[in-house]
Each structure stands twice: as C-alpha cells, then as structure tokens.
PDB file of N, CA and C in Angstrom:
ATOM      1  N   MET A   1       0.838  -1.173   0.000  1.00  0.00           N
ATOM      2  CA  MET A   1       0.000   0.000   0.000  1.00  0.00           C
ATOM      3  C   MET A   1       0.879   1.230   0.000  1.00  0.00           C
ATOM      4  N   SER A   2       0.351   2.268  -0.607  1.00  0.00           N
ATOM      5  CA  SER A   2       1.047   3.544  -0.658  1.00  0.00           C
ATOM      6  C   SER A   2       0.024   4.652  -0.457  1.00  0.00           C
ATOM      7  N   TYR A   3       0.351   5.577   0.399  1.00  0.00           N
ATOM      8  CA  TYR A   3      -0.508   6.725   0.660  1.00  0.00           C
ATOM      9  C   TYR A   3       0.361   7.961   0.527  1.00  0.00           C
ATOM     10  N   GLY A   4       0.139   8.721  -0.521  1.00  0.00           N
ATOM     11  CA  GLY A   4       0.996   9.872  -0.743  1.00  0.00           C
ATOM     12  C   GLY A   4       0.367  10.874  -1.698  1.00  0.00           C
ATOM     13  N   ALA A   5       1.106  11.922  -1.968  1.00  0.00           N
ATOM     14  CA  ALA A   5       0.627  13.000  -2.826  1.00  0.00           C
ATOM     15  C   ALA A   5       0.336  12.493  -4.233  1.00  0.00           C
ATOM     16  N   SER A   6      -0.717  12.992  -4.819  1.00  0.00           N
ATOM     17  CA  SER A   6      -1.106  12.625  -6.172  1.00  0.00           C
ATOM     18  C   SER A   6      -0.124  13.245  -7.158  1.00  0.00           C
ATOM     19  N   GLN A   7       0.470  12.419  -8.014  1.00  0.00           N
ATOM     20  CA  GLN A   7       1.420  12.934  -8.995  1.00  0.00           C
ATOM     21  C   GLN A   7       0.732  13.812 -10.029  1.00  0.00           C
ATOM     22  N   ALA A   8      -0.453  13.438 -10.451  1.00  0.00           N
ATOM     23  CA  ALA A   8      -1.185  14.244 -11.429  1.00  0.00           C
ATOM     24  C   ALA A   8      -1.470  15.628 -10.866  1.00  0.00           C
ATOM     25  N   ASP A   9      -1.866  15.690  -9.604  1.00  0.00           N
ATOM     26  CA  ASP A   9      -2.132  16.978  -8.961  1.00  0.00           C
ATOM     27  C   ASP A   9      -0.845  17.801  -8.828  1.00  0.00           C
ATOM     28  N   ALA A  10       0.273  17.134  -8.533  1.00  0.00           N
ATOM     29  CA  ALA A  10       1.553  17.840  -8.408  1.00  0.00           C
ATOM     30  C   ALA A  10       1.966  18.453  -9.745  1.00  0.00           C
ATOM     31  N   TYR A  11       1.781  17.714 -10.839  1.00  0.00           N
ATOM     32  CA  TYR A  11       2.117  18.253 -12.158  1.00  0.00           C
ATOM     33  C   TYR A  11       1.218  19.436 -12.512  1.00  0.00           C
ATOM     34  N   ARG A  12      -0.051  19.340 -12.167  1.00  0.00           N
ATOM     35  CA  ARG A  12      -0.994  20.427 -12.427  1.00  0.00           C
ATOM     36  C   ARG A  12      -0.571  21.683 -11.663  1.00  0.00           C
ATOM     37  N   ARG A  13      -0.194  21.507 -10.401  1.00  0.00           N
ATOM     38  CA  ARG A  13       0.236  22.649  -9.591  1.00  0.00           C
ATOM     39  C   ARG A  13       1.530  23.252 -10.130  1.00  0.00           C
ATOM     40  N   ALA A  14       2.447  22.403 -10.590  1.00  0.00           N
ATOM     41  CA  ALA A  14       3.704  22.893 -11.162  1.00  0.00           C
ATOM     42  C   ALA A  14       3.427  23.707 -12.419  1.00  0.00           C
ATOM     43  N   GLY A  15       2.474  23.265 -13.228  1.00  0.00           N
ATOM     44  CA  GLY A  15       2.095  24.014 -14.431  1.00  0.00           C
ATOM     45  C   GLY A  15       1.527  25.381 -14.094  1.00  0.00           C
ATOM     46  N   ASN A  16       0.669  25.432 -13.075  1.00  0.00           N
ATOM     47  CA  ASN A  16       0.112  26.714 -12.639  1.00  0.00           C
ATOM     48  C   ASN A  16       1.212  27.638 -12.127  1.00  0.00           C
ATOM     49  N   TYR A  17       2.134  27.069 -11.385  1.00  0.00           N
ATOM     50  CA  TYR A  17       3.256  27.824 -10.820  1.00  0.00           C
ATOM     51  C   TYR A  17       4.115  28.392 -11.952  1.00  0.00           C
ATOM     52  N   ALA A  18       4.427  27.555 -12.941  1.00  0.00           N
ATOM     53  CA  ALA A  18       5.236  28.000 -14.086  1.00  0.00           C
ATOM     54  C   ALA A  18       4.494  29.069 -14.879  1.00  0.00           C
ATOM     55  N   GLY A  19       3.196  28.905 -15.036  1.00  0.00           N
ATOM     56  CA  GLY A  19       2.405  29.909 -15.744  1.00  0.00           C
ATOM     57  C   GLY A  19       2.450  31.272 -15.078  1.00  0.00           C
ATOM     58  N   ARG A  20       2.376  31.289 -13.752  1.00  0.00           N
ATOM     59  CA  ARG A  20       2.460  32.568 -13.039  1.00  0.00           C
ATOM     60  C   ARG A  20       3.827  33.206 -13.200  1.00  0.00           C
ATOM     61  N   ILE A  21       4.879  32.389 -13.222  1.00  0.00           N
ATOM     62  CA  ILE A  21       6.236  32.924 -13.417  1.00  0.00           C
ATOM     63  C   ILE A  21       6.367  33.511 -14.820  1.00  0.00           C
ATOM     64  N   LEU A  22       5.814  32.810 -15.808  1.00  0.00           N
ATOM     65  CA  LEU A  22       5.888  33.306 -17.185  1.00  0.00           C
ATOM     66  C   LEU A  22       5.088  34.589 -17.378  1.00  0.00           C
ATOM     67  N   LYS A  23       4.079  34.805 -16.554  1.00  0.00           N
ATOM     68  CA  LYS A  23       3.288  36.036 -16.633  1.00  0.00           C
ATOM     69  C   LYS A  23       3.941  37.193 -15.888  1.00  0.00           C
ATOM     70  N   GLY A  24       5.112  36.922 -15.250  1.00  0.00           N
ATOM     71  CA  GLY A  24       5.857  38.002 -14.627  1.00  0.00           C
ATOM     72  C   GLY A  24       5.941  37.970 -13.111  1.00  0.00           C
ATOM     73  N   ALA A  25       5.366  36.969 -12.475  1.00  0.00           N
ATOM     74  CA  ALA A  25       5.443  36.893 -11.010  1.00  0.00           C
ATOM     75  C   ALA A  25       6.871  36.536 -10.590  1.00  0.00           C
ATOM     76  N   THR A  26       7.296  37.086  -9.482  1.00  0.00           N
ATOM     77  CA  THR A  26       8.623  36.794  -8.957  1.00  0.00           C
ATOM     78  C   THR A  26       8.546  35.532  -8.094  1.00  0.00           C
ATOM     79  N   PRO A  27       9.348  34.508  -8.424  1.00  0.00           N
ATOM     80  CA  PRO A  27       9.288  33.256  -7.659  1.00  0.00           C
ATOM     81  C   PRO A  27       9.567  33.451  -6.170  1.00  0.00           C
ATOM     82  N   ALA A  28      10.407  34.399  -5.813  1.00  0.00           N
ATOM     83  CA  ALA A  28      10.730  34.631  -4.400  1.00  0.00           C
ATOM     84  C   ALA A  28       9.516  35.125  -3.622  1.00  0.00           C
ATOM     85  N   ASN A  29       8.563  35.735  -4.307  1.00  0.00           N
ATOM     86  CA  ASN A  29       7.375  36.284  -3.631  1.00  0.00           C
ATOM     87  C   ASN A  29       6.186  35.333  -3.672  1.00  0.00           C
ATOM     88  N   MET A  30       6.356  34.186  -4.314  1.00  0.00           N
ATOM     89  CA  MET A  30       5.249  33.237  -4.424  1.00  0.00           C
ATOM     90  C   MET A  30       5.302  32.243  -3.272  1.00  0.00           C
ATOM     91  N   PRO A  31       4.141  31.893  -2.730  1.00  0.00           N
ATOM     92  CA  PRO A  31       4.130  30.939  -1.610  1.00  0.00           C
ATOM     93  C   PRO A  31       4.462  29.518  -2.060  1.00  0.00           C
ATOM     94  N   VAL A  32       4.997  28.742  -1.155  1.00  0.00           N
ATOM     95  CA  VAL A  32       5.250  27.325  -1.423  1.00  0.00           C
ATOM     96  C   VAL A  32       3.909  26.609  -1.359  1.00  0.00           C
ATOM     97  N   GLU A  33       3.644  25.780  -2.344  1.00  0.00           N
ATOM     98  CA  GLU A  33       2.380  25.063  -2.384  1.00  0.00           C
ATOM     99  C   GLU A  33       2.596  23.617  -1.970  1.00  0.00           C
ATOM    100  N   LEU A  34       1.768  23.153  -1.074  1.00  0.00           N
ATOM    101  CA  LEU A  34       1.830  21.770  -0.607  1.00  0.00           C
ATOM    102  C   LEU A  34       0.743  20.953  -1.273  1.00  0.00           C
ATOM    103  N   ALA A  35       0.919  19.663  -1.281  1.00  0.00           N
ATOM    104  CA  ALA A  35      -0.070  18.761  -1.875  1.00  0.00           C
ATOM    105  C   ALA A  35      -1.387  18.861  -1.119  1.00  0.00           C
ATOM    106  N   THR A  36      -2.470  18.916  -1.869  1.00  0.00           N
ATOM    107  CA  THR A  36      -3.795  18.961  -1.255  1.00  0.00           C
ATOM    108  C   THR A  36      -4.585  17.685  -1.520  1.00  0.00           C
ATOM    109  N   LYS A  37      -4.123  16.893  -2.466  1.00  0.00           N
ATOM    110  CA  LYS A  37      -4.796  15.639  -2.781  1.00  0.00           C
ATOM    111  C   LYS A  37      -3.810  14.493  -2.584  1.00  0.00           C
ATOM    112  N   VAL A  38      -4.247  13.491  -1.877  1.00  0.00           N
ATOM    113  CA  VAL A  38      -3.426  12.303  -1.656  1.00  0.00           C
ATOM    114  C   VAL A  38      -4.152  11.085  -2.210  1.00  0.00           C
ATOM    115  N   ASP A  39      -3.379  10.106  -2.642  1.00  0.00           N
ATOM    116  CA  ASP A  39      -3.939   8.882  -3.215  1.00  0.00           C
ATOM    117  C   ASP A  39      -3.563   7.684  -2.359  1.00  0.00           C
ATOM    118  N   LEU A  40      -4.481   6.748  -2.257  1.00  0.00           N
ATOM    119  CA  LEU A  40      -4.222   5.465  -1.615  1.00  0.00           C
ATOM    120  C   LEU A  40      -4.188   4.414  -2.713  1.00  0.00           C
ATOM    121  N   VAL A  41      -3.036   3.784  -2.883  1.00  0.00           N
ATOM    122  CA  VAL A  41      -2.850   2.758  -3.911  1.00  0.00           C
ATOM    123  C   VAL A  41      -2.552   1.439  -3.205  1.00  0.00           C
ATOM    124  N   ILE A  42      -3.272   0.390  -3.596  1.00  0.00           N
ATOM    125  CA  ILE A  42      -3.092  -0.927  -2.995  1.00  0.00           C
ATOM    126  C   ILE A  42      -2.710  -1.922  -4.081  1.00  0.00           C
ATOM    127  N   ASN A  43      -1.624  -2.655  -3.856  1.00  0.00           N
ATOM    128  CA  ASN A  43      -1.175  -3.697  -4.774  1.00  0.00           C
ATOM    129  C   ASN A  43      -1.714  -5.027  -4.253  1.00  0.00           C
ATOM    130  N   ILE A  44      -2.783  -5.475  -4.875  1.00  0.00           N
ATOM    131  CA  ILE A  44      -3.468  -6.689  -4.421  1.00  0.00           C
ATOM    132  C   ILE A  44      -2.607  -7.932  -4.672  1.00  0.00           C
ATOM    133  N   ALA A  45      -1.901  -7.971  -5.791  1.00  0.00           N
ATOM    134  CA  ALA A  45      -1.078  -9.139  -6.128  1.00  0.00           C
ATOM    135  C   ALA A  45       0.014  -9.347  -5.085  1.00  0.00           C
ATOM    136  N   THR A  46       0.652  -8.282  -4.668  1.00  0.00           N
ATOM    137  CA  THR A  46       1.709  -8.397  -3.658  1.00  0.00           C
ATOM    138  C   THR A  46       1.124  -8.796  -2.313  1.00  0.00           C
ATOM    139  N   ALA A  47      -0.034  -8.244  -1.978  1.00  0.00           N
ATOM    140  CA  ALA A  47      -0.679  -8.596  -0.712  1.00  0.00           C
ATOM    141  C   ALA A  47      -1.005 -10.090  -0.674  1.00  0.00           C
ATOM    142  N   LYS A  48      -1.500 -10.622  -1.784  1.00  0.00           N
ATOM    143  CA  LYS A  48      -1.809 -12.053  -1.849  1.00  0.00           C
ATOM    144  C   LYS A  48      -0.541 -12.890  -1.741  1.00  0.00           C
ATOM    145  N   ALA A  49       0.532 -12.436  -2.413  1.00  0.00           N
ATOM    146  CA  ALA A  49       1.802 -13.172  -2.368  1.00  0.00           C
ATOM    147  C   ALA A  49       2.366 -13.211  -0.958  1.00  0.00           C
ATOM    148  N   LEU A  50       2.111 -12.170  -0.176  1.00  0.00           N
ATOM    149  CA  LEU A  50       2.580 -12.115   1.207  1.00  0.00           C
ATOM    150  C   LEU A  50       1.611 -12.778   2.178  1.00  0.00           C
ATOM    151  N   GLY A  51       0.462 -13.193   1.673  1.00  0.00           N
ATOM    152  CA  GLY A  51      -0.527 -13.853   2.520  1.00  0.00           C
ATOM    153  C   GLY A  51      -1.335 -12.878   3.362  1.00  0.00           C
ATOM    154  N   LEU A  52      -1.442 -11.631   2.906  1.00  0.00           N
ATOM    155  CA  LEU A  52      -2.194 -10.622   3.650  1.00  0.00           C
ATOM    156  C   LEU A  52      -3.619 -10.532   3.137  1.00  0.00           C
ATOM    157  N   ASN A  53      -4.554 -10.356   4.047  1.00  0.00           N
ATOM    158  CA  ASN A  53      -5.949 -10.146   3.682  1.00  0.00           C
ATOM    159  C   ASN A  53      -6.269  -8.668   3.870  1.00  0.00           C
ATOM    160  N   ILE A  54      -6.697  -8.028   2.801  1.00  0.00           N
ATOM    161  CA  ILE A  54      -7.052  -6.610   2.855  1.00  0.00           C
ATOM    162  C   ILE A  54      -8.562  -6.524   3.054  1.00  0.00           C
ATOM    163  N   PRO A  55      -9.023  -5.819   4.078  1.00  0.00           N
ATOM    164  CA  PRO A  55     -10.465  -5.704   4.308  1.00  0.00           C
ATOM    165  C   PRO A  55     -11.178  -5.050   3.114  1.00  0.00           C
ATOM    166  N   ALA A  56     -12.400  -5.482   2.857  1.00  0.00           N
ATOM    167  CA  ALA A  56     -13.170  -4.979   1.721  1.00  0.00           C
ATOM    168  C   ALA A  56     -13.415  -3.478   1.818  1.00  0.00           C
ATOM    169  N   ASN A  57     -13.641  -2.963   3.039  1.00  0.00           N
ATOM    170  CA  ASN A  57     -13.907  -1.530   3.167  1.00  0.00           C
ATOM    171  C   ASN A  57     -12.665  -0.699   2.835  1.00  0.00           C
ATOM    172  N   LEU A  58     -11.475  -1.235   3.062  1.00  0.00           N
ATOM    173  CA  LEU A  58     -10.249  -0.530   2.687  1.00  0.00           C
ATOM    174  C   LEU A  58     -10.074  -0.553   1.166  1.00  0.00           C
ATOM    175  N   LEU A  59     -10.462  -1.638   0.528  1.00  0.00           N
ATOM    176  CA  LEU A  59     -10.385  -1.719  -0.932  1.00  0.00           C
ATOM    177  C   LEU A  59     -11.326  -0.716  -1.584  1.00  0.00           C
ATOM    178  N   THR A  60     -12.468  -0.478  -0.980  1.00  0.00           N
ATOM    179  CA  THR A  60     -13.413   0.490  -1.564  1.00  0.00           C
ATOM    180  C   THR A  60     -12.909   1.919  -1.383  1.00  0.00           C
ATOM    181  N   LEU A  61     -12.092   2.170  -0.376  1.00  0.00           N
ATOM    182  CA  LEU A  61     -11.560   3.518  -0.151  1.00  0.00           C
ATOM    183  C   LEU A  61     -10.362   3.839  -1.041  1.00  0.00           C
ATOM    184  N   ALA A  62      -9.727   2.812  -1.602  1.00  0.00           N
ATOM    185  CA  ALA A  62      -8.518   3.011  -2.405  1.00  0.00           C
ATOM    186  C   ALA A  62      -8.825   3.779  -3.676  1.00  0.00           C
ATOM    187  N   ASP A  63      -7.897   4.663  -4.064  1.00  0.00           N
ATOM    188  CA  ASP A  63      -8.020   5.409  -5.309  1.00  0.00           C
ATOM    189  C   ASP A  63      -7.588   4.560  -6.503  1.00  0.00           C
ATOM    190  N   GLU A  64      -6.669   3.634  -6.271  1.00  0.00           N
ATOM    191  CA  GLU A  64      -6.182   2.771  -7.349  1.00  0.00           C
ATOM    192  C   GLU A  64      -5.865   1.392  -6.776  1.00  0.00           C
ATOM    193  N   LEU A  65      -6.242   0.363  -7.521  1.00  0.00           N
ATOM    194  CA  LEU A  65      -5.939  -1.012  -7.154  1.00  0.00           C
ATOM    195  C   LEU A  65      -5.070  -1.618  -8.251  1.00  0.00           C
ATOM    196  N   ILE A  66      -3.949  -2.199  -7.849  1.00  0.00           N
ATOM    197  CA  ILE A  66      -3.051  -2.855  -8.786  1.00  0.00           C
ATOM    198  C   ILE A  66      -3.247  -4.357  -8.611  1.00  0.00           C
ATOM    199  N   GLU A  67      -3.613  -5.016  -9.712  1.00  0.00           N
ATOM    200  CA  GLU A  67      -3.888  -6.454  -9.633  1.00  0.00           C
ATOM    201  C   GLU A  67      -2.815  -7.260 -10.280  1.00  0.00           C
TER     202      GLU A  67
END
C-alpha cells in the first residue's frame, strides 16, 4: 500500500506555478504550495503473495488497485 501525494495533482500545480512565473510573477514572492490531494494505492497481487488479507472496506476507499 502507498498513501501519498497525487502525482497528477503535483504536475498540475507545477504548471500553474510555471504559468504565473511566465506572466511576470517573482518566484521569491510566491508561496510554497503543498499537496492537497493524496492517493491510496493498494497492490493486491503483492498482498496475496505475502498472505495478507485486505479488508473490503479498505479496498473500496482506495483510489487505485493494482492487480
């Protein structure tokens, strides 16, 4: 399992940040942006190989399942 910042969201934020710089904003005056969206990814194949049982309610909460 992995719980961390969404890469797609990070790229989107980087694009917005770059766009503001290209429009003339000074990077030193811009705030640091932190991740606001996190993803829960579960690798079911690895869990089975390790003999782990993942509860059904945790599987429904996952953003991505790797089989």
